Amino acid sequence: MQSPEQSSNFNFLAEHDSLLVELAQAAERVFSSDPNTTLIKLRQLGEALAQHLASIVGVEFSEHDGAKQFDNALNGQLASVMDELMEAPWVANASARV
């Protein structure tokens, strides 16, 4: 078993969230001996990364929300951000040149 002091491909995640490191290292530890567990841990890592990034950009969600509610909140926020980006002056200028 790998101790936290040992090298990992995911130590850089420690500055963001210790849960991300734990999940990534768990997947890394068992990738050759237990591929099914690796896939589960990688899915959990992906979900934790999405929630972490959503909290950074201000998408509101509850930890008790299911994946569907989180997905809906994220899609709503993305649509709003895309609308704002498309109205930005540099986009309008680029479109006028095409």
C-alpha atoms as a PDB file:
ATOM      1  CA  MET A   1       0.000   0.000   0.000  1.00  0.00           C
ATOM      2  CA  GLN A   2       1.308   3.421  -0.937  1.00  0.00           C
ATOM      3  CA  SER A   3       1.848   5.964   1.828  1.00  0.00           C
ATOM      4  CA  PRO A   4       1.028   9.669   1.263  1.00  0.00           C
ATOM      5  CA  GLU A   5       4.745  10.467   1.302  1.00  0.00           C
ATOM      6  CA  GLN A   6       5.406   8.202  -1.679  1.00  0.00           C
ATOM      7  CA  SER A   7       5.242   9.514  -5.205  1.00  0.00           C
ATOM      8  CA  SER A   8       1.908   9.482  -6.946  1.00  0.00           C
ATOM      9  CA  ASN A   9       0.764  10.752 -10.288  1.00  0.00           C
ATOM     10  CA  PHE A  10      -1.970  12.650  -8.451  1.00  0.00           C
ATOM     11  CA  ASN A  11      -0.179  14.470  -5.625  1.00  0.00           C
ATOM     12  CA  PHE A  12      -0.793  17.767  -7.421  1.00  0.00           C
ATOM     13  CA  LEU A  13      -4.495  17.431  -6.530  1.00  0.00           C
ATOM     14  CA  ALA A  14      -3.683  17.848  -2.819  1.00  0.00           C
ATOM     15  CA  GLU A  15      -3.753  21.637  -3.115  1.00  0.00           C
ATOM     16  CA  HIS A  16      -7.366  21.424  -4.333  1.00  0.00           C
ATOM     17  CA  ASP A  17      -9.052  18.703  -2.290  1.00  0.00           C
ATOM     18  CA  SER A  18      -7.764  15.746  -0.301  1.00  0.00           C
ATOM     19  CA  LEU A  19     -10.734  13.623  -1.464  1.00  0.00           C
ATOM     20  CA  LEU A  20      -9.516  13.952  -5.064  1.00  0.00           C
ATOM     21  CA  VAL A  21      -6.100  12.635  -4.030  1.00  0.00           C
ATOM     22  CA  GLU A  22      -7.588   9.746  -2.062  1.00  0.00           C
ATOM     23  CA  LEU A  23      -9.804   8.615  -4.941  1.00  0.00           C
ATOM     24  CA  ALA A  24      -7.075   8.967  -7.562  1.00  0.00           C
ATOM     25  CA  GLN A  25      -4.513   7.135  -5.459  1.00  0.00           C
ATOM     26  CA  ALA A  26      -7.001   4.358  -4.702  1.00  0.00           C
ATOM     27  CA  ALA A  27      -7.547   3.851  -8.438  1.00  0.00           C
ATOM     28  CA  GLU A  28      -3.813   3.992  -9.061  1.00  0.00           C
ATOM     29  CA  ARG A  29      -3.050   1.421  -6.344  1.00  0.00           C
ATOM     30  CA  VAL A  30      -5.359  -1.292  -7.697  1.00  0.00           C
ATOM     31  CA  PHE A  31      -5.324  -0.661 -11.450  1.00  0.00           C
ATOM     32  CA  SER A  32      -3.516  -3.884 -12.339  1.00  0.00           C
ATOM     33  CA  SER A  33      -4.931  -6.158  -9.652  1.00  0.00           C
ATOM     34  CA  ASP A  34      -8.585  -5.046  -9.665  1.00  0.00           C
ATOM     35  CA  PRO A  35      -9.765  -3.268 -12.835  1.00  0.00           C
ATOM     36  CA  ASN A  36     -13.394  -3.128 -11.669  1.00  0.00           C
ATOM     37  CA  THR A  37     -12.472  -1.220  -8.507  1.00  0.00           C
ATOM     38  CA  THR A  38     -10.273   1.045 -10.608  1.00  0.00           C
ATOM     39  CA  LEU A  39     -13.236   1.965 -12.798  1.00  0.00           C
ATOM     40  CA  ILE A  40     -15.428   2.642  -9.766  1.00  0.00           C
ATOM     41  CA  LYS A  41     -12.777   4.859  -8.175  1.00  0.00           C
ATOM     42  CA  LEU A  42     -12.231   6.723 -11.448  1.00  0.00           C
ATOM     43  CA  ARG A  43     -15.969   7.356 -11.760  1.00  0.00           C
ATOM     44  CA  GLN A  44     -16.028   8.656  -8.188  1.00  0.00           C
ATOM     45  CA  LEU A  45     -13.026  10.832  -9.017  1.00  0.00           C
ATOM     46  CA  GLY A  46     -14.808  12.241 -12.079  1.00  0.00           C
ATOM     47  CA  GLU A  47     -17.895  13.053 -10.030  1.00  0.00           C
ATOM     48  CA  ALA A  48     -15.805  14.667  -7.280  1.00  0.00           C
ATOM     49  CA  LEU A  49     -13.903  16.732  -9.882  1.00  0.00           C
ATOM     50  CA  ALA A  50     -17.164  17.896 -11.470  1.00  0.00           C
ATOM     51  CA  GLN A  51     -18.561  18.922  -8.086  1.00  0.00           C
ATOM     52  CA  HIS A  52     -15.327  20.678  -7.151  1.00  0.00           C
ATOM     53  CA  LEU A  53     -15.241  22.618 -10.414  1.00  0.00           C
ATOM     54  CA  ALA A  54     -18.950  23.437 -10.162  1.00  0.00           C
ATOM     55  CA  SER A  55     -18.422  24.918  -6.720  1.00  0.00           C
ATOM     56  CA  ILE A  56     -15.543  27.037  -8.058  1.00  0.00           C
ATOM     57  CA  VAL A  57     -17.665  28.526 -10.855  1.00  0.00           C
ATOM     58  CA  GLY A  58     -20.665  29.009  -8.599  1.00  0.00           C
ATOM     59  CA  VAL A  59     -23.055  26.267  -9.665  1.00  0.00           C
ATOM     60  CA  GLU A  60     -25.368  25.721  -6.714  1.00  0.00           C
ATOM     61  CA  PHE A  61     -26.204  22.155  -5.775  1.00  0.00           C
ATOM     62  CA  SER A  62     -26.794  20.168  -2.642  1.00  0.00           C
ATOM     63  CA  GLU A  63     -24.680  17.202  -1.637  1.00  0.00           C
ATOM     64  CA  HIS A  64     -27.995  15.368  -1.291  1.00  0.00           C
ATOM     65  CA  ASP A  65     -28.924  16.018  -4.926  1.00  0.00           C
ATOM     66  CA  GLY A  66     -28.716  13.067  -7.225  1.00  0.00           C
ATOM     67  CA  ALA A  67     -26.687  13.014 -10.413  1.00  0.00           C
ATOM     68  CA  LYS A  68     -29.682  14.167 -12.470  1.00  0.00           C
ATOM     69  CA  GLN A  69     -30.260  17.274 -10.332  1.00  0.00           C
ATOM     70  CA  PHE A  70     -26.542  18.078 -10.407  1.00  0.00           C
ATOM     71  CA  ASP A  71     -26.486  17.604 -14.175  1.00  0.00           C
ATOM     72  CA  ASN A  72     -29.491  19.904 -14.602  1.00  0.00           C
ATOM     73  CA  ALA A  73     -27.899  22.597 -12.423  1.00  0.00           C
ATOM     74  CA  LEU A  74     -24.641  22.310 -14.332  1.00  0.00           C
ATOM     75  CA  ASN A  75     -26.355  22.444 -17.740  1.00  0.00           C
ATOM     76  CA  GLY A  76     -28.357  25.509 -16.702  1.00  0.00           C
ATOM     77  CA  GLN A  77     -25.208  27.283 -15.575  1.00  0.00           C
ATOM     78  CA  LEU A  78     -23.334  26.307 -18.748  1.00  0.00           C
ATOM     79  CA  ALA A  79     -26.138  27.675 -20.917  1.00  0.00           C
ATOM     80  CA  SER A  80     -25.984  30.942 -18.994  1.00  0.00           C
ATOM     81  CA  VAL A  81     -22.212  31.180 -19.339  1.00  0.00           C
ATOM     82  CA  MET A  82     -22.373  30.393 -23.068  1.00  0.00           C
ATOM     83  CA  ASP A  83     -25.007  33.110 -23.570  1.00  0.00           C
ATOM     84  CA  GLU A  84     -22.753  35.614 -21.798  1.00  0.00           C
ATOM     85  CA  LEU A  85     -19.740  34.564 -23.856  1.00  0.00           C
ATOM     86  CA  MET A  86     -21.629  34.899 -27.127  1.00  0.00           C
ATOM     87  CA  GLU A  87     -22.600  38.463 -26.196  1.00  0.00           C
ATOM     88  CA  ALA A  88     -19.010  39.452 -25.433  1.00  0.00           C
ATOM     89  CA  PRO A  89     -17.642  42.191 -27.723  1.00  0.00           C
ATOM     90  CA  TRP A  90     -14.679  40.132 -28.902  1.00  0.00           C
ATOM     91  CA  VAL A  91     -17.079  37.385 -30.119  1.00  0.00           C
ATOM     92  CA  ALA A  92     -19.226  39.904 -31.982  1.00  0.00           C
ATOM     93  CA  ASN A  93     -16.106  41.370 -33.624  1.00  0.00           C
ATOM     94  CA  ALA A  94     -14.870  37.935 -34.642  1.00  0.00           C
ATOM     95  CA  SER A  95     -18.274  37.029 -36.100  1.00  0.00           C
ATOM     96  CA  ALA A  96     -18.379  40.220 -38.141  1.00  0.00           C
ATOM     97  CA  ARG A  97     -15.061  39.316 -39.792  1.00  0.00           C
ATOM     98  CA  VAL A  98     -16.199  35.899 -40.930  1.00  0.00           C
END
